[in-house]
Amino acid sequence: MKVSQKAAGFLVFFLAACSSLVPQPTPTRTEEEIRGRAVFKAYCERCHGLVGETVIVGPSLAGIATRAGTRIEGLDAEAYIRNSILDPGVYTVEGFPTDVMPITLKDELSPEDLDAVIAFLLTLK
């Protein structure tokens, strides 16, 4: 069977369009990232959204892994997030008050929970 060039082009276009409808696999999270998600739910979720620009009390953390490394010259994303949790008044996102984020998180989170929530936040690209 001979297929015209036009039909072949349509078939290629159709298959390409359909392949974009196939769900992409969800990345597998490490145990630390899974623990970090639980820590986030317990301590952060009441004030920070994870979808788009959703503002609850504080800024959305959607895309924080990408933005964090660009906020303060000389700090990578991990250092920026860690400093923002441990000393929340140092780096305030424009348009948000400087005294809303609890300063007690450094005392409430174990070092392991702090590392875990940072690992989780670094997955939010």
PDB file of N, CA and C in Angstrom:
ATOM      1  N   MET A   1       0.842  -1.171   0.000  1.00  0.00           N
ATOM      2  CA  MET A   1       0.000   0.000   0.000  1.00  0.00           C
ATOM      3  C   MET A   1       0.888   1.235   0.000  1.00  0.00           C
ATOM      4  N   LYS A   2       0.591   2.124  -0.873  1.00  0.00           N
ATOM      5  CA  LYS A   2       1.382   3.342  -1.002  1.00  0.00           C
ATOM      6  C   LYS A   2       0.629   4.485  -0.305  1.00  0.00           C
ATOM      7  N   VAL A   3       1.331   5.236   0.544  1.00  0.00           N
ATOM      8  CA  VAL A   3       0.737   6.349   1.280  1.00  0.00           C
ATOM      9  C   VAL A   3       1.271   7.647   0.689  1.00  0.00           C
ATOM     10  N   SER A   4       0.372   8.582   0.425  1.00  0.00           N
ATOM     11  CA  SER A   4       0.810   9.862  -0.129  1.00  0.00           C
ATOM     12  C   SER A   4       1.635  10.619   0.899  1.00  0.00           C
ATOM     13  N   GLN A   5       2.428  11.560   0.408  1.00  0.00           N
ATOM     14  CA  GLN A   5       3.242  12.381   1.311  1.00  0.00           C
ATOM     15  C   GLN A   5       2.357  13.168   2.268  1.00  0.00           C
ATOM     16  N   LYS A   6       1.248  13.650   1.782  1.00  0.00           N
ATOM     17  CA  LYS A   6       0.338  14.428   2.614  1.00  0.00           C
ATOM     18  C   LYS A   6      -0.234  13.555   3.734  1.00  0.00           C
ATOM     19  N   ALA A   7      -0.634  12.340   3.400  1.00  0.00           N
ATOM     20  CA  ALA A   7      -1.188  11.419   4.400  1.00  0.00           C
ATOM     21  C   ALA A   7      -0.113  11.031   5.417  1.00  0.00           C
ATOM     22  N   ALA A   8       1.099  10.800   4.934  1.00  0.00           N
ATOM     23  CA  ALA A   8       2.197  10.443   5.838  1.00  0.00           C
ATOM     24  C   ALA A   8       2.496  11.594   6.797  1.00  0.00           C
ATOM     25  N   GLY A   9       2.478  12.817   6.270  1.00  0.00           N
ATOM     26  CA  GLY A   9       2.715  13.995   7.118  1.00  0.00           C
ATOM     27  C   GLY A   9       1.639  14.129   8.182  1.00  0.00           C
ATOM     28  N   PHE A  10       0.380  13.894   7.771  1.00  0.00           N
ATOM     29  CA  PHE A  10      -0.727  13.961   8.741  1.00  0.00           C
ATOM     30  C   PHE A  10      -0.558  12.897   9.810  1.00  0.00           C
ATOM     31  N   LEU A  11      -0.168  11.690   9.405  1.00  0.00           N
ATOM     32  CA  LEU A  11       0.007  10.602  10.358  1.00  0.00           C
ATOM     33  C   LEU A  11       1.096  10.947  11.374  1.00  0.00           C
ATOM     34  N   VAL A  12       2.198  11.496  10.921  1.00  0.00           N
ATOM     35  CA  VAL A  12       3.285  11.899  11.824  1.00  0.00           C
ATOM     36  C   VAL A  12       2.781  12.973  12.793  1.00  0.00           C
ATOM     37  N   PHE A  13       2.061  13.968  12.261  1.00  0.00           N
ATOM     38  CA  PHE A  13       1.510  15.031  13.106  1.00  0.00           C
ATOM     39  C   PHE A  13       0.541  14.453  14.130  1.00  0.00           C
ATOM     40  N   PHE A  14      -0.345  13.567  13.688  1.00  0.00           N
ATOM     41  CA  PHE A  14      -1.342  12.966  14.564  1.00  0.00           C
ATOM     42  C   PHE A  14      -0.680  12.171  15.686  1.00  0.00           C
ATOM     43  N   LEU A  15       0.296  11.352  15.342  1.00  0.00           N
ATOM     44  CA  LEU A  15       0.982  10.548  16.363  1.00  0.00           C
ATOM     45  C   LEU A  15       1.743  11.427  17.350  1.00  0.00           C
ATOM     46  N   ALA A  16       2.358  12.492  16.865  1.00  0.00           N
ATOM     47  CA  ALA A  16       3.076  13.404  17.752  1.00  0.00           C
ATOM     48  C   ALA A  16       2.112  14.094  18.704  1.00  0.00           C
ATOM     49  N   ALA A  17       0.961  14.505  18.184  1.00  0.00           N
ATOM     50  CA  ALA A  17      -0.037  15.178  19.022  1.00  0.00           C
ATOM     51  C   ALA A  17      -0.573  14.232  20.075  1.00  0.00           C
ATOM     52  N   CYS A  18      -0.820  12.999  19.698  1.00  0.00           N
ATOM     53  CA  CYS A  18      -1.359  12.026  20.647  1.00  0.00           C
ATOM     54  C   CYS A  18      -0.336  11.653  21.712  1.00  0.00           C
ATOM     55  N   SER A  19       0.928  11.630  21.344  1.00  0.00           N
ATOM     56  CA  SER A  19       1.942  11.238  22.323  1.00  0.00           C
ATOM     57  C   SER A  19       2.063  12.267  23.438  1.00  0.00           C
ATOM     58  N   SER A  20       1.682  13.516  23.186  1.00  0.00           N
ATOM     59  CA  SER A  20       1.754  14.521  24.244  1.00  0.00           C
ATOM     60  C   SER A  20       0.635  14.330  25.264  1.00  0.00           C
ATOM     61  N   LEU A  21      -0.356  13.521  24.922  1.00  0.00           N
ATOM     62  CA  LEU A  21      -1.461  13.258  25.834  1.00  0.00           C
ATOM     63  C   LEU A  21      -1.142  12.118  26.796  1.00  0.00           C
ATOM     64  N   VAL A  22      -0.078  11.397  26.512  1.00  0.00           N
ATOM     65  CA  VAL A  22       0.312  10.296  27.381  1.00  0.00           C
ATOM     66  C   VAL A  22       0.877  10.873  28.668  1.00  0.00           C
ATOM     67  N   PRO A  23       0.324  10.464  29.816  1.00  0.00           N
ATOM     68  CA  PRO A  23       0.833  11.022  31.071  1.00  0.00           C
ATOM     69  C   PRO A  23       2.302  10.674  31.275  1.00  0.00           C
ATOM     70  N   GLN A  24       3.041  11.661  31.734  1.00  0.00           N
ATOM     71  CA  GLN A  24       4.448  11.459  32.026  1.00  0.00           C
ATOM     72  C   GLN A  24       4.577  10.836  33.416  1.00  0.00           C
ATOM     73  N   PRO A  25       5.553   9.963  33.605  1.00  0.00           N
ATOM     74  CA  PRO A  25       5.695   9.349  34.925  1.00  0.00           C
ATOM     75  C   PRO A  25       6.031  10.389  35.989  1.00  0.00           C
ATOM     76  N   THR A  26       5.484  10.206  37.161  1.00  0.00           N
ATOM     77  CA  THR A  26       5.777  11.087  38.283  1.00  0.00           C
ATOM     78  C   THR A  26       7.164  10.736  38.802  1.00  0.00           C
ATOM     79  N   PRO A  27       8.020  11.740  38.991  1.00  0.00           N
ATOM     80  CA  PRO A  27       9.352  11.434  39.511  1.00  0.00           C
ATOM     81  C   PRO A  27       9.251  10.755  40.884  1.00  0.00           C
ATOM     82  N   THR A  28      10.097   9.798  41.095  1.00  0.00           N
ATOM     83  CA  THR A  28      10.118   9.094  42.367  1.00  0.00           C
ATOM     84  C   THR A  28      10.881   9.939  43.372  1.00  0.00           C
ATOM     85  N   ARG A  29      10.277  10.164  44.514  1.00  0.00           N
ATOM     86  CA  ARG A  29      10.942  10.939  45.562  1.00  0.00           C
ATOM     87  C   ARG A  29      11.745  10.010  46.460  1.00  0.00           C
ATOM     88  N   THR A  30      12.822  10.560  46.991  1.00  0.00           N
ATOM     89  CA  THR A  30      13.637   9.821  47.953  1.00  0.00           C
ATOM     90  C   THR A  30      12.894   9.769  49.285  1.00  0.00           C
ATOM     91  N   GLU A  31      13.359   8.924  50.184  1.00  0.00           N
ATOM     92  CA  GLU A  31      12.747   8.845  51.519  1.00  0.00           C
ATOM     93  C   GLU A  31      12.844  10.188  52.231  1.00  0.00           C
ATOM     94  N   GLU A  32      13.971  10.880  52.064  1.00  0.00           N
ATOM     95  CA  GLU A  32      14.145  12.183  52.700  1.00  0.00           C
ATOM     96  C   GLU A  32      13.143  13.196  52.141  1.00  0.00           C
ATOM     97  N   GLU A  33      12.928  13.187  50.838  1.00  0.00           N
ATOM     98  CA  GLU A  33      11.969  14.111  50.227  1.00  0.00           C
ATOM     99  C   GLU A  33      10.538  13.796  50.665  1.00  0.00           C
ATOM    100  N   ILE A  34      10.233  12.519  50.815  1.00  0.00           N
ATOM    101  CA  ILE A  34       8.900  12.119  51.301  1.00  0.00           C
ATOM    102  C   ILE A  34       8.717  12.608  52.739  1.00  0.00           C
ATOM    103  N   ARG A  35       9.734  12.423  53.557  1.00  0.00           N
ATOM    104  CA  ARG A  35       9.682  12.936  54.930  1.00  0.00           C
ATOM    105  C   ARG A  35       9.543  14.457  54.922  1.00  0.00           C
ATOM    106  N   GLY A  36      10.259  15.114  54.025  1.00  0.00           N
ATOM    107  CA  GLY A  36      10.188  16.571  53.911  1.00  0.00           C
ATOM    108  C   GLY A  36       8.806  17.051  53.537  1.00  0.00           C
ATOM    109  N   ARG A  37       8.117  16.304  52.698  1.00  0.00           N
ATOM    110  CA  ARG A  37       6.735  16.656  52.328  1.00  0.00           C
ATOM    111  C   ARG A  37       5.847  16.603  53.569  1.00  0.00           C
ATOM    112  N   ALA A  38       6.053  15.593  54.402  1.00  0.00           N
ATOM    113  CA  ALA A  38       5.277  15.478  55.650  1.00  0.00           C
ATOM    114  C   ALA A  38       5.598  16.632  56.600  1.00  0.00           C
ATOM    115  N   VAL A  39       6.860  17.009  56.687  1.00  0.00           N
ATOM    116  CA  VAL A  39       7.258  18.148  57.526  1.00  0.00           C
ATOM    117  C   VAL A  39       6.621  19.422  56.977  1.00  0.00           C
ATOM    118  N   PHE A  40       6.641  19.576  55.651  1.00  0.00           N
ATOM    119  CA  PHE A  40       6.015  20.739  55.025  1.00  0.00           C
ATOM    120  C   PHE A  40       4.534  20.800  55.397  1.00  0.00           C
ATOM    121  N   LYS A  41       3.849  19.681  55.288  1.00  0.00           N
ATOM    122  CA  LYS A  41       2.413  19.650  55.606  1.00  0.00           C
ATOM    123  C   LYS A  41       2.176  20.038  57.065  1.00  0.00           C
ATOM    124  N   ALA A  42       3.045  19.596  57.953  1.00  0.00           N
ATOM    125  CA  ALA A  42       2.860  19.862  59.379  1.00  0.00           C
ATOM    126  C   ALA A  42       3.198  21.297  59.777  1.00  0.00           C
ATOM    127  N   TYR A  43       4.198  21.896  59.139  1.00  0.00           N
ATOM    128  CA  TYR A  43       4.692  23.199  59.588  1.00  0.00           C
ATOM    129  C   TYR A  43       4.476  24.356  58.610  1.00  0.00           C
ATOM    130  N   CYS A  44       4.405  24.073  57.326  1.00  0.00           N
ATOM    131  CA  CYS A  44       4.468  25.147  56.336  1.00  0.00           C
ATOM    132  C   CYS A  44       3.191  25.342  55.523  1.00  0.00           C
ATOM    133  N   GLU A  45       2.449  24.274  55.336  1.00  0.00           N
ATOM    134  CA  GLU A  45       1.319  24.289  54.418  1.00  0.00           C
ATOM    135  C   GLU A  45       0.220  25.264  54.812  1.00  0.00           C
ATOM    136  N   ARG A  46       0.085  25.544  56.079  1.00  0.00           N
ATOM    137  CA  ARG A  46      -0.980  26.471  56.490  1.00  0.00           C
ATOM    138  C   ARG A  46      -0.731  27.900  56.008  1.00  0.00           C
ATOM    139  N   CYS A  47       0.505  28.213  55.640  1.00  0.00           N
ATOM    140  CA  CYS A  47       0.828  29.572  55.181  1.00  0.00           C
ATOM    141  C   CYS A  47       1.343  29.639  53.746  1.00  0.00           C
ATOM    142  N   HIS A  48       1.890  28.553  53.224  1.00  0.00           N
ATOM    143  CA  HIS A  48       2.511  28.559  51.895  1.00  0.00           C
ATOM    144  C   HIS A  48       1.831  27.566  50.966  1.00  0.00           C
ATOM    145  N   GLY A  49       1.410  28.050  49.798  1.00  0.00           N
ATOM    146  CA  GLY A  49       0.860  27.186  48.765  1.00  0.00           C
ATOM    147  C   GLY A  49       1.959  26.598  47.910  1.00  0.00           C
ATOM    148  N   LEU A  50       1.605  25.561  47.177  1.00  0.00           N
ATOM    149  CA  LEU A  50       2.561  24.912  46.279  1.00  0.00           C
ATOM    150  C   LEU A  50       2.119  24.967  44.822  1.00  0.00           C
ATOM    151  N   VAL A  51       1.001  25.637  44.560  1.00  0.00           N
ATOM    152  CA  VAL A  51       0.449  25.680  43.208  1.00  0.00           C
ATOM    153  C   VAL A  51       0.439  27.118  42.708  1.00  0.00           C
ATOM    154  N   GLY A  52       1.068  27.317  41.569  1.00  0.00           N
ATOM    155  CA  GLY A  52       1.053  28.641  40.941  1.00  0.00           C
ATOM    156  C   GLY A  52       1.431  29.751  41.900  1.00  0.00           C
ATOM    157  N   GLU A  53       0.703  30.832  41.813  1.00  0.00           N
ATOM    158  CA  GLU A  53       0.963  31.995  42.660  1.00  0.00           C
ATOM    159  C   GLU A  53      -0.015  32.070  43.831  1.00  0.00           C
ATOM    160  N   THR A  54      -0.497  30.932  44.282  1.00  0.00           N
ATOM    161  CA  THR A  54      -1.438  30.881  45.392  1.00  0.00           C
ATOM    162  C   THR A  54      -0.815  31.481  46.640  1.00  0.00           C
ATOM    163  N   VAL A  55      -1.445  32.506  47.171  1.00  0.00           N
ATOM    164  CA  VAL A  55      -0.974  33.134  48.401  1.00  0.00           C
ATOM    165  C   VAL A  55      -1.974  32.811  49.499  1.00  0.00           C
ATOM    166  N   ILE A  56      -1.493  32.197  50.552  1.00  0.00           N
ATOM    167  CA  ILE A  56      -2.324  31.933  51.718  1.00  0.00           C
ATOM    168  C   ILE A  56      -2.001  33.019  52.741  1.00  0.00           C
ATOM    169  N   VAL A  57      -0.814  32.974  53.297  1.00  0.00           N
ATOM    170  CA  VAL A  57      -0.295  34.046  54.153  1.00  0.00           C
ATOM    171  C   VAL A  57       1.039  34.505  53.586  1.00  0.00           C
ATOM    172  N   GLY A  58       1.909  33.533  53.323  1.00  0.00           N
ATOM    173  CA  GLY A  58       3.210  33.819  52.733  1.00  0.00           C
ATOM    174  C   GLY A  58       3.201  33.515  51.245  1.00  0.00           C
ATOM    175  N   PRO A  59       4.312  33.761  50.580  1.00  0.00           N
ATOM    176  CA  PRO A  59       4.369  33.542  49.130  1.00  0.00           C
ATOM    177  C   PRO A  59       4.241  32.068  48.769  1.00  0.00           C
ATOM    178  N   SER A  60       3.764  31.823  47.566  1.00  0.00           N
ATOM    179  CA  SER A  60       3.714  30.460  47.044  1.00  0.00           C
ATOM    180  C   SER A  60       5.137  29.930  46.936  1.00  0.00           C
ATOM    181  N   LEU A  61       5.295  28.651  47.198  1.00  0.00           N
ATOM    182  CA  LEU A  61       6.612  28.038  47.065  1.00  0.00           C
ATOM    183  C   LEU A  61       6.724  27.212  45.790  1.00  0.00           C
ATOM    184  N   ALA A  62       5.740  27.325  44.925  1.00  0.00           N
ATOM    185  CA  ALA A  62       5.838  26.679  43.615  1.00  0.00           C
ATOM    186  C   ALA A  62       7.054  27.261  42.899  1.00  0.00           C
ATOM    187  N   GLY A  63       7.927  26.414  42.429  1.00  0.00           N
ATOM    188  CA  GLY A  63       9.112  26.871  41.710  1.00  0.00           C
ATOM    189  C   GLY A  63      10.229  27.396  42.599  1.00  0.00           C
ATOM    190  N   ILE A  64      10.133  27.191  43.898  1.00  0.00           N
ATOM    191  CA  ILE A  64      11.142  27.740  44.825  1.00  0.00           C
ATOM    192  C   ILE A  64      12.546  27.214  44.522  1.00  0.00           C
ATOM    193  N   ALA A  65      12.653  25.978  44.071  1.00  0.00           N
ATOM    194  CA  ALA A  65      13.976  25.410  43.795  1.00  0.00           C
ATOM    195  C   ALA A  65      14.685  26.178  42.688  1.00  0.00           C
ATOM    196  N   THR A  66      13.931  26.716  41.766  1.00  0.00           N
ATOM    197  CA  THR A  66      14.505  27.493  40.670  1.00  0.00           C
ATOM    198  C   THR A  66      14.764  28.935  41.099  1.00  0.00           C
ATOM    199  N   ARG A  67      13.797  29.540  41.764  1.00  0.00           N
ATOM    200  CA  ARG A  67      13.918  30.961  42.155  1.00  0.00           C
ATOM    201  C   ARG A  67      14.934  31.184  43.269  1.00  0.00           C
ATOM    202  N   ALA A  68      15.006  30.278  44.215  1.00  0.00           N
ATOM    203  CA  ALA A  68      15.821  30.494  45.417  1.00  0.00           C
ATOM    204  C   ALA A  68      17.284  30.774  45.104  1.00  0.00           C
ATOM    205  N   GLY A  69      17.816  30.104  44.114  1.00  0.00           N
ATOM    206  CA  GLY A  69      19.219  30.290  43.762  1.00  0.00           C
ATOM    207  C   GLY A  69      19.516  31.613  43.080  1.00  0.00           C
ATOM    208  N   THR A  70      18.469  32.369  42.734  1.00  0.00           N
ATOM    209  CA  THR A  70      18.668  33.649  42.053  1.00  0.00           C
ATOM    210  C   THR A  70      18.361  34.844  42.951  1.00  0.00           C
ATOM    211  N   ARG A  71      17.898  34.592  44.156  1.00  0.00           N
ATOM    212  CA  ARG A  71      17.436  35.687  45.020  1.00  0.00           C
ATOM    213  C   ARG A  71      18.582  36.503  45.623  1.00  0.00           C
ATOM    214  N   ILE A  72      19.595  35.845  46.151  1.00  0.00           N
ATOM    215  CA  ILE A  72      20.707  36.535  46.819  1.00  0.00           C
ATOM    216  C   ILE A  72      22.019  36.081  46.171  1.00  0.00           C
ATOM    217  N   GLU A  73      22.747  37.030  45.634  1.00  0.00           N
ATOM    218  CA  GLU A  73      24.015  36.696  44.987  1.00  0.00           C
ATOM    219  C   GLU A  73      24.930  35.963  45.965  1.00  0.00           C
ATOM    220  N   GLY A  74      25.505  34.867  45.503  1.00  0.00           N
ATOM    221  CA  GLY A  74      26.429  34.091  46.327  1.00  0.00           C
ATOM    222  C   GLY A  74      25.767  32.960  47.099  1.00  0.00           C
ATOM    223  N   LEU A  75      24.430  32.901  47.107  1.00  0.00           N
ATOM    224  CA  LEU A  75      23.733  31.808  47.800  1.00  0.00           C
ATOM    225  C   LEU A  75      23.063  30.908  46.775  1.00  0.00           C
ATOM    226  N   ASP A  76      23.323  29.598  46.902  1.00  0.00           N
ATOM    227  CA  ASP A  76      22.594  28.678  46.044  1.00  0.00           C
ATOM    228  C   ASP A  76      21.206  28.446  46.652  1.00  0.00           C
ATOM    229  N   ALA A  77      20.379  27.692  45.959  1.00  0.00           N
ATOM    230  CA  ALA A  77      18.995  27.486  46.395  1.00  0.00           C
ATOM    231  C   ALA A  77      18.931  26.859  47.784  1.00  0.00           C
ATOM    232  N   GLU A  78      19.759  25.866  48.030  1.00  0.00           N
ATOM    233  CA  GLU A  78      19.735  25.180  49.331  1.00  0.00           C
ATOM    234  C   GLU A  78      20.072  26.143  50.459  1.00  0.00           C
ATOM    235  N   ALA A  79      21.110  26.944  50.300  1.00  0.00           N
ATOM    236  CA  ALA A  79      21.516  27.891  51.341  1.00  0.00           C
ATOM    237  C   ALA A  79      20.455  28.966  51.553  1.00  0.00           C
ATOM    238  N   TYR A  80      19.862  29.456  50.472  1.00  0.00           N
ATOM    239  CA  TYR A  80      18.817  30.468  50.599  1.00  0.00           C
ATOM    240  C   TYR A  80      17.614  29.925  51.381  1.00  0.00           C
ATOM    241  N   ILE A  81      17.170  28.727  51.016  1.00  0.00           N
ATOM    242  CA  ILE A  81      16.012  28.132  51.707  1.00  0.00           C
ATOM    243  C   ILE A  81      16.344  27.885  53.175  1.00  0.00           C
ATOM    244  N   ARG A  82      17.510  27.321  53.443  1.00  0.00           N
ATOM    245  CA  ARG A  82      17.923  27.042  54.831  1.00  0.00           C
ATOM    246  C   ARG A  82      17.954  28.342  55.647  1.00  0.00           C
ATOM    247  N   ASN A  83      18.576  29.381  55.121  1.00  0.00           N
ATOM    248  CA  ASN A  83      18.652  30.657  55.835  1.00  0.00           C
ATOM    249  C   ASN A  83      17.274  31.274  56.036  1.00  0.00           C
ATOM    250  N   SER A  84      16.394  31.112  55.042  1.00  0.00           N
ATOM    251  CA  SER A  84      15.043  31.671  55.144  1.00  0.00           C
ATOM    252  C   SER A  84      14.229  31.000  56.237  1.00  0.00           C
ATOM    253  N   ILE A  85      14.493  29.724  56.479  1.00  0.00           N
ATOM    254  CA  ILE A  85      13.789  29.002  57.550  1.00  0.00           C
ATOM    255  C   ILE A  85      14.404  29.333  58.907  1.00  0.00           C
ATOM    256  N   LEU A  86      15.721  29.320  58.988  1.00  0.00           N
ATOM    257  CA  LEU A  86      16.397  29.526  60.271  1.00  0.00           C
ATOM    258  C   LEU A  86      16.360  30.973  60.752  1.00  0.00           C
ATOM    259  N   ASP A  87      16.379  31.909  59.820  1.00  0.00           N
ATOM    260  CA  ASP A  87      16.364  33.327  60.178  1.00  0.00           C
ATOM    261  C   ASP A  87      15.438  34.057  59.202  1.00  0.00           C
ATOM    262  N   PRO A  88      14.131  33.875  59.368  1.00  0.00           N
ATOM    263  CA  PRO A  88      13.164  34.314  58.358  1.00  0.00           C
ATOM    264  C   PRO A  88      13.107  35.815  58.110  1.00  0.00           C
ATOM    265  N   GLY A  89      13.608  36.627  58.988  1.00  0.00           N
ATOM    266  CA  GLY A  89      13.555  38.067  58.774  1.00  0.00           C
ATOM    267  C   GLY A  89      14.640  38.602  57.867  1.00  0.00           C
ATOM    268  N   VAL A  90      15.636  37.779  57.549  1.00  0.00           N
ATOM    269  CA  VAL A  90      16.776  38.242  56.761  1.00  0.00           C
ATOM    270  C   VAL A  90      16.401  38.466  55.299  1.00  0.00           C
ATOM    271  N   TYR A  91      15.699  37.523  54.700  1.00  0.00           N
ATOM    272  CA  TYR A  91      15.306  37.629  53.292  1.00  0.00           C
ATOM    273  C   TYR A  91      13.790  37.610  53.220  1.00  0.00           C
ATOM    274  N   THR A  92      13.202  38.730  52.919  1.00  0.00           N
ATOM    275  CA  THR A  92      11.752  38.823  52.810  1.00  0.00           C
ATOM    276  C   THR A  92      11.384  39.044  51.349  1.00  0.00           C
ATOM    277  N   VAL A  93      10.411  38.278  50.898  1.00  0.00           N
ATOM    278  CA  VAL A  93       9.938  38.444  49.517  1.00  0.00           C
ATOM    279  C   VAL A  93       9.158  39.751  49.444  1.00  0.00           C
ATOM    280  N   GLU A  94       9.458  40.530  48.411  1.00  0.00           N
ATOM    281  CA  GLU A  94       8.813  41.825  48.242  1.00  0.00           C
ATOM    282  C   GLU A  94       7.287  41.673  48.258  1.00  0.00           C
ATOM    283  N   GLY A  95       6.651  42.573  49.003  1.00  0.00           N
ATOM    284  CA  GLY A  95       5.200  42.560  49.095  1.00  0.00           C
ATOM    285  C   GLY A  95       4.666  41.771  50.284  1.00  0.00           C
ATOM    286  N   PHE A  96       5.553  41.149  51.049  1.00  0.00           N
ATOM    287  CA  PHE A  96       5.137  40.386  52.225  1.00  0.00           C
ATOM    288  C   PHE A  96       5.752  41.002  53.478  1.00  0.00           C
ATOM    289  N   PRO A  97       5.025  40.966  54.591  1.00  0.00           N
ATOM    290  CA  PRO A  97       5.555  41.539  55.829  1.00  0.00           C
ATOM    291  C   PRO A  97       6.793  40.790  56.317  1.00  0.00           C
ATOM    292  N   THR A  98       7.627  41.481  57.056  1.00  0.00           N
ATOM    293  CA  THR A  98       8.881  40.882  57.522  1.00  0.00           C
ATOM    294  C   THR A  98       8.720  40.062  58.791  1.00  0.00           C
ATOM    295  N   ASP A  99       7.596  40.161  59.461  1.00  0.00           N
ATOM    296  CA  ASP A  99       7.481  39.530  60.781  1.00  0.00           C
ATOM    297  C   ASP A  99       6.401  38.450  60.867  1.00  0.00           C
ATOM    298  N   VAL A 100       6.024  37.865  59.747  1.00  0.00           N
ATOM    299  CA  VAL A 100       4.952  36.874  59.763  1.00  0.00           C
ATOM    300  C   VAL A 100       5.484  35.448  59.915  1.00  0.00           C
ATOM    301  N   MET A 101       6.589  35.148  59.259  1.00  0.00           N
ATOM    302  CA  MET A 101       7.150  33.793  59.336  1.00  0.00           C
ATOM    303  C   MET A 101       7.639  33.534  60.755  1.00  0.00           C
ATOM    304  N   PRO A 102       7.239  32.389  61.334  1.00  0.00           N
ATOM    305  CA  PRO A 102       7.650  32.098  62.714  1.00  0.00           C
ATOM    306  C   PRO A 102       9.162  31.946  62.850  1.00  0.00           C
ATOM    307  N   ILE A 103       9.713  32.585  63.859  1.00  0.00           N
ATOM    308  CA  ILE A 103      11.157  32.489  64.100  1.00  0.00           C
ATOM    309  C   ILE A 103      11.496  31.260  64.941  1.00  0.00           C
ATOM    310  N   THR A 104      10.481  30.532  65.369  1.00  0.00           N
ATOM    311  CA  THR A 104      10.687  29.375  66.241  1.00  0.00           C
ATOM    312  C   THR A 104      10.972  28.083  65.495  1.00  0.00           C
ATOM    313  N   LEU A 105      10.893  28.089  64.171  1.00  0.00           N
ATOM    314  CA  LEU A 105      11.110  26.851  63.420  1.00  0.00           C
ATOM    315  C   LEU A 105      12.491  26.260  63.680  1.00  0.00           C
ATOM    316  N   LYS A 106      13.478  27.105  63.875  1.00  0.00           N
ATOM    317  CA  LYS A 106      14.832  26.582  64.134  1.00  0.00           C
ATOM    318  C   LYS A 106      14.876  25.768  65.424  1.00  0.00           C
ATOM    319  N   ASP A 107      13.963  26.060  66.352  1.00  0.00           N
ATOM    320  CA  ASP A 107      13.904  25.302  67.605  1.00  0.00           C
ATOM    321  C   ASP A 107      12.942  24.121  67.520  1.00  0.00           C
ATOM    322  N   GLU A 108      11.947  24.223  66.651  1.00  0.00           N
ATOM    323  CA  GLU A 108      10.924  23.182  66.542  1.00  0.00           C
ATOM    324  C   GLU A 108      11.328  22.031  65.628  1.00  0.00           C
ATOM    325  N   LEU A 109      12.112  22.324  64.603  1.00  0.00           N
ATOM    326  CA  LEU A 109      12.511  21.286  63.659  1.00  0.00           C
ATOM    327  C   LEU A 109      13.824  20.639  64.087  1.00  0.00           C
ATOM    328  N   SER A 110      13.847  19.319  64.043  1.00  0.00           N
ATOM    329  CA  SER A 110      15.118  18.625  64.280  1.00  0.00           C
ATOM    330  C   SER A 110      16.021  18.888  63.074  1.00  0.00           C
ATOM    331  N   PRO A 111      17.326  18.714  63.216  1.00  0.00           N
ATOM    332  CA  PRO A 111      18.209  18.884  62.054  1.00  0.00           C
ATOM    333  C   PRO A 111      17.798  17.987  60.882  1.00  0.00           C
ATOM    334  N   GLU A 112      17.331  16.785  61.192  1.00  0.00           N
ATOM    335  CA  GLU A 112      16.902  15.852  60.141  1.00  0.00           C
ATOM    336  C   GLU A 112      15.635  16.356  59.440  1.00  0.00           C
ATOM    337  N   ASP A 113      14.689  16.903  60.229  1.00  0.00           N
ATOM    338  CA  ASP A 113      13.469  17.445  59.622  1.00  0.00           C
ATOM    339  C   ASP A 113      13.778  18.676  58.785  1.00  0.00           C
ATOM    340  N   LEU A 114      14.694  19.509  59.244  1.00  0.00           N
ATOM    341  CA  LEU A 114      15.093  20.686  58.474  1.00  0.00           C
ATOM    342  C   LEU A 114      15.700  20.260  57.137  1.00  0.00           C
ATOM    343  N   ASP A 115      16.620  19.303  57.175  1.00  0.00           N
ATOM    344  CA  ASP A 115      17.231  18.807  55.942  1.00  0.00           C
ATOM    345  C   ASP A 115      16.180  18.199  55.019  1.00  0.00           C
ATOM    346  N   ALA A 116      15.219  17.479  55.604  1.00  0.00           N
ATOM    347  CA  ALA A 116      14.181  16.819  54.804  1.00  0.00           C
ATOM    348  C   ALA A 116      13.269  17.835  54.124  1.00  0.00           C
ATOM    349  N   VAL A 117      12.832  18.855  54.859  1.00  0.00           N
ATOM    350  CA  VAL A 117      11.938  19.840  54.232  1.00  0.00           C
ATOM    351  C   VAL A 117      12.682  20.625  53.151  1.00  0.00           C
ATOM    352  N   ILE A 118      13.950  20.881  53.355  1.00  0.00           N
ATOM    353  CA  ILE A 118      14.745  21.552  52.321  1.00  0.00           C
ATOM    354  C   ILE A 118      14.867  20.637  51.094  1.00  0.00           C
ATOM    355  N   ALA A 119      15.118  19.354  51.315  1.00  0.00           N
ATOM    356  CA  ALA A 119      15.207  18.408  50.194  1.00  0.00           C
ATOM    357  C   ALA A 119      13.894  18.387  49.416  1.00  0.00           C
ATOM    358  N   PHE A 120      12.763  18.403  50.129  1.00  0.00           N
ATOM    359  CA  PHE A 120      11.464  18.443  49.458  1.00  0.00           C
ATOM    360  C   PHE A 120      11.303  19.733  48.661  1.00  0.00           C
ATOM    361  N   LEU A 121      11.611  20.865  49.272  1.00  0.00           N
ATOM    362  CA  LEU A 121      11.448  22.156  48.587  1.00  0.00           C
ATOM    363  C   LEU A 121      12.336  22.236  47.340  1.00  0.00           C
ATOM    364  N   LEU A 122      13.472  21.584  47.374  1.00  0.00           N
ATOM    365  CA  LEU A 122      14.365  21.596  46.212  1.00  0.00           C
ATOM    366  C   LEU A 122      13.834  20.761  45.054  1.00  0.00           C
ATOM    367  N   THR A 123      12.749  20.021  45.272  1.00  0.00           N
ATOM    368  CA  THR A 123      12.116  19.294  44.169  1.00  0.00           C
ATOM    369  C   THR A 123      11.096  20.166  43.444  1.00  0.00           C
ATOM    370  N   LEU A 124      10.785  21.326  44.000  1.00  0.00           N
ATOM    371  CA  LEU A 124       9.740  22.201  43.448  1.00  0.00           C
ATOM    372  C   LEU A 124      10.331  23.151  42.417  1.00  0.00           C
ATOM    373  N   LYS A 125      10.505  22.665  41.216  1.00  0.00           N
ATOM    374  CA  LYS A 125      11.157  23.443  40.158  1.00  0.00           C
ATOM    375  C   LYS A 125      10.163  24.124  39.269  1.00  0.00           C
TER     376      LYS A 125
END
